[in-house]
N, C-alpha and C. Protein backbone atom coordinates (compact mmCIF):
# COMPACT_ATOMS: atom_id res chain seq x y z
N MET A 1 118.76 100.71 78.66
CA MET A 1 117.70 99.72 78.71
C MET A 1 116.46 100.34 78.06
N PRO A 2 115.82 99.62 77.14
CA PRO A 2 114.62 100.17 76.49
C PRO A 2 113.44 100.22 77.46
N SER A 3 112.53 101.14 77.17
CA SER A 3 111.35 101.31 78.02
C SER A 3 110.45 100.08 77.92
N PRO A 4 109.90 99.60 79.05
CA PRO A 4 108.95 98.48 78.99
C PRO A 4 107.59 98.93 78.46
N PHE A 5 107.41 100.23 78.25
CA PHE A 5 106.15 100.78 77.77
C PHE A 5 106.41 101.59 76.50
N PRO A 6 106.60 100.94 75.35
CA PRO A 6 106.92 101.67 74.13
C PRO A 6 105.85 102.69 73.77
N GLY A 7 106.29 103.90 73.43
CA GLY A 7 105.36 104.93 72.98
C GLY A 7 104.77 105.79 74.08
N MET A 8 105.05 105.49 75.34
CA MET A 8 104.51 106.31 76.42
C MET A 8 105.44 106.27 77.62
N ASN A 9 105.32 107.26 78.46
CA ASN A 9 106.04 107.30 79.72
C ASN A 9 104.99 107.29 80.82
N PRO A 10 104.73 106.13 81.45
CA PRO A 10 103.64 106.03 82.43
C PRO A 10 103.88 106.87 83.68
N TYR A 11 105.09 107.32 83.87
CA TYR A 11 105.40 108.09 85.07
C TYR A 11 105.17 109.58 84.87
N LEU A 12 105.21 110.05 83.63
CA LEU A 12 105.08 111.48 83.37
C LEU A 12 103.98 111.79 82.36
N GLU A 13 103.25 110.81 81.90
CA GLU A 13 102.24 111.01 80.87
C GLU A 13 101.13 111.93 81.38
N LYS A 14 101.04 113.12 80.90
CA LYS A 14 100.01 114.11 81.25
C LYS A 14 99.87 114.29 82.76
N PRO A 15 100.92 114.70 83.46
CA PRO A 15 100.83 114.85 84.92
C PRO A 15 99.76 115.84 85.36
N GLU A 16 99.42 116.81 84.52
CA GLU A 16 98.38 117.76 84.91
C GLU A 16 97.01 117.09 85.04
N TYR A 17 96.82 115.96 84.37
CA TYR A 17 95.56 115.23 84.49
C TYR A 17 95.52 114.34 85.73
N TRP A 18 96.66 114.02 86.27
CA TRP A 18 96.74 113.03 87.34
C TRP A 18 97.10 113.61 88.70
N SER A 19 97.09 114.91 88.85
CA SER A 19 97.55 115.52 90.11
C SER A 19 96.72 115.12 91.32
N GLN A 20 95.47 114.80 91.14
CA GLN A 20 94.57 114.47 92.26
C GLN A 20 94.26 112.97 92.36
N VAL A 21 94.80 112.16 91.47
CA VAL A 21 94.42 110.75 91.42
C VAL A 21 94.67 110.03 92.74
N HIS A 22 95.85 110.18 93.32
CA HIS A 22 96.14 109.44 94.54
C HIS A 22 95.23 109.86 95.69
N LYS A 23 94.96 111.14 95.80
CA LYS A 23 94.08 111.62 96.88
C LYS A 23 92.68 111.05 96.73
N TRP A 24 92.12 111.13 95.53
CA TRP A 24 90.77 110.63 95.32
C TRP A 24 90.70 109.12 95.42
N LEU A 25 91.73 108.43 94.97
CA LEU A 25 91.76 106.98 95.07
C LEU A 25 91.75 106.54 96.53
N ILE A 26 92.52 107.21 97.36
CA ILE A 26 92.55 106.88 98.79
C ILE A 26 91.18 107.10 99.43
N VAL A 27 90.52 108.20 99.10
CA VAL A 27 89.19 108.49 99.65
C VAL A 27 88.19 107.42 99.22
N LEU A 28 88.20 107.06 97.94
CA LEU A 28 87.25 106.07 97.44
C LEU A 28 87.50 104.69 98.04
N ILE A 29 88.75 104.32 98.21
CA ILE A 29 89.07 103.04 98.85
C ILE A 29 88.60 103.04 100.30
N ALA A 30 88.82 104.14 101.00
CA ALA A 30 88.37 104.24 102.40
C ALA A 30 86.85 104.12 102.48
N GLN A 31 86.14 104.80 101.59
CA GLN A 31 84.68 104.72 101.60
C GLN A 31 84.19 103.31 101.30
N SER A 32 84.92 102.60 100.48
CA SER A 32 84.54 101.23 100.15
C SER A 32 84.84 100.26 101.29
N LEU A 33 85.95 100.47 101.98
CA LEU A 33 86.36 99.55 103.05
C LEU A 33 85.61 99.76 104.36
N ASN A 34 85.30 100.99 104.72
CA ASN A 34 84.70 101.28 106.02
C ASN A 34 83.46 100.44 106.33
N PRO A 35 82.50 100.32 105.43
CA PRO A 35 81.32 99.51 105.76
C PRO A 35 81.65 98.04 106.04
N GLN A 36 82.72 97.55 105.45
CA GLN A 36 83.10 96.15 105.64
C GLN A 36 83.88 95.93 106.94
N LEU A 37 84.49 96.98 107.45
CA LEU A 37 85.34 96.86 108.64
C LEU A 37 84.63 97.19 109.94
N ARG A 38 83.63 98.04 109.88
CA ARG A 38 82.95 98.48 111.10
C ARG A 38 82.10 97.37 111.67
N PRO A 39 81.89 97.34 112.95
CA PRO A 39 82.19 98.34 113.97
C PRO A 39 83.55 98.14 114.63
N LYS A 40 84.23 97.04 114.33
CA LYS A 40 85.48 96.75 115.04
C LYS A 40 86.65 97.64 114.60
N TYR A 41 86.71 97.96 113.31
CA TYR A 41 87.82 98.76 112.77
C TYR A 41 87.26 99.90 111.94
N ARG A 42 88.14 100.85 111.59
CA ARG A 42 87.75 101.92 110.68
C ARG A 42 88.97 102.35 109.89
N VAL A 43 88.73 102.92 108.73
CA VAL A 43 89.80 103.47 107.90
C VAL A 43 89.95 104.94 108.26
N ALA A 44 91.16 105.36 108.56
CA ALA A 44 91.44 106.76 108.88
C ALA A 44 92.50 107.27 107.90
N ILE A 45 92.15 108.29 107.15
CA ILE A 45 93.06 108.86 106.16
C ILE A 45 93.98 109.85 106.85
N GLU A 46 95.26 109.78 106.51
CA GLU A 46 96.30 110.65 107.06
C GLU A 46 96.40 110.57 108.58
N GLU A 47 96.17 109.40 109.11
CA GLU A 47 96.32 109.18 110.55
C GLU A 47 97.23 107.98 110.73
N ARG A 48 98.22 108.13 111.57
CA ARG A 48 99.15 107.04 111.83
C ARG A 48 98.90 106.48 113.22
N VAL A 49 99.00 105.17 113.31
CA VAL A 49 98.83 104.50 114.59
C VAL A 49 100.08 103.68 114.85
N TYR A 50 100.66 103.87 116.01
CA TYR A 50 101.85 103.12 116.39
C TYR A 50 101.50 102.22 117.56
N PRO A 51 101.52 100.91 117.36
CA PRO A 51 101.19 100.02 118.47
C PRO A 51 102.26 100.08 119.56
N ALA A 52 101.82 100.08 120.78
CA ALA A 52 102.74 100.08 121.92
C ALA A 52 102.88 98.65 122.41
N HIS A 53 104.10 98.22 122.57
CA HIS A 53 104.35 96.86 123.04
C HIS A 53 104.60 96.90 124.55
N HIS A 54 103.67 96.35 125.29
CA HIS A 54 103.80 96.31 126.75
C HIS A 54 104.52 95.03 127.15
N GLN A 55 105.46 95.16 128.05
CA GLN A 55 106.21 93.98 128.49
C GLN A 55 105.84 93.61 129.89
């Protein structure tokens, strides 16, 4: 199957330039969302919350 992106590989194109992209993107999104969510909610990076279902 031919590449949907002729002339480039979007998955491996200059990986040394993109090593921190996901980390910084998450931080910037959190900083943008927090003022809109507070005081009721907050964005927590690398924190998991599991809701408990009480019967």
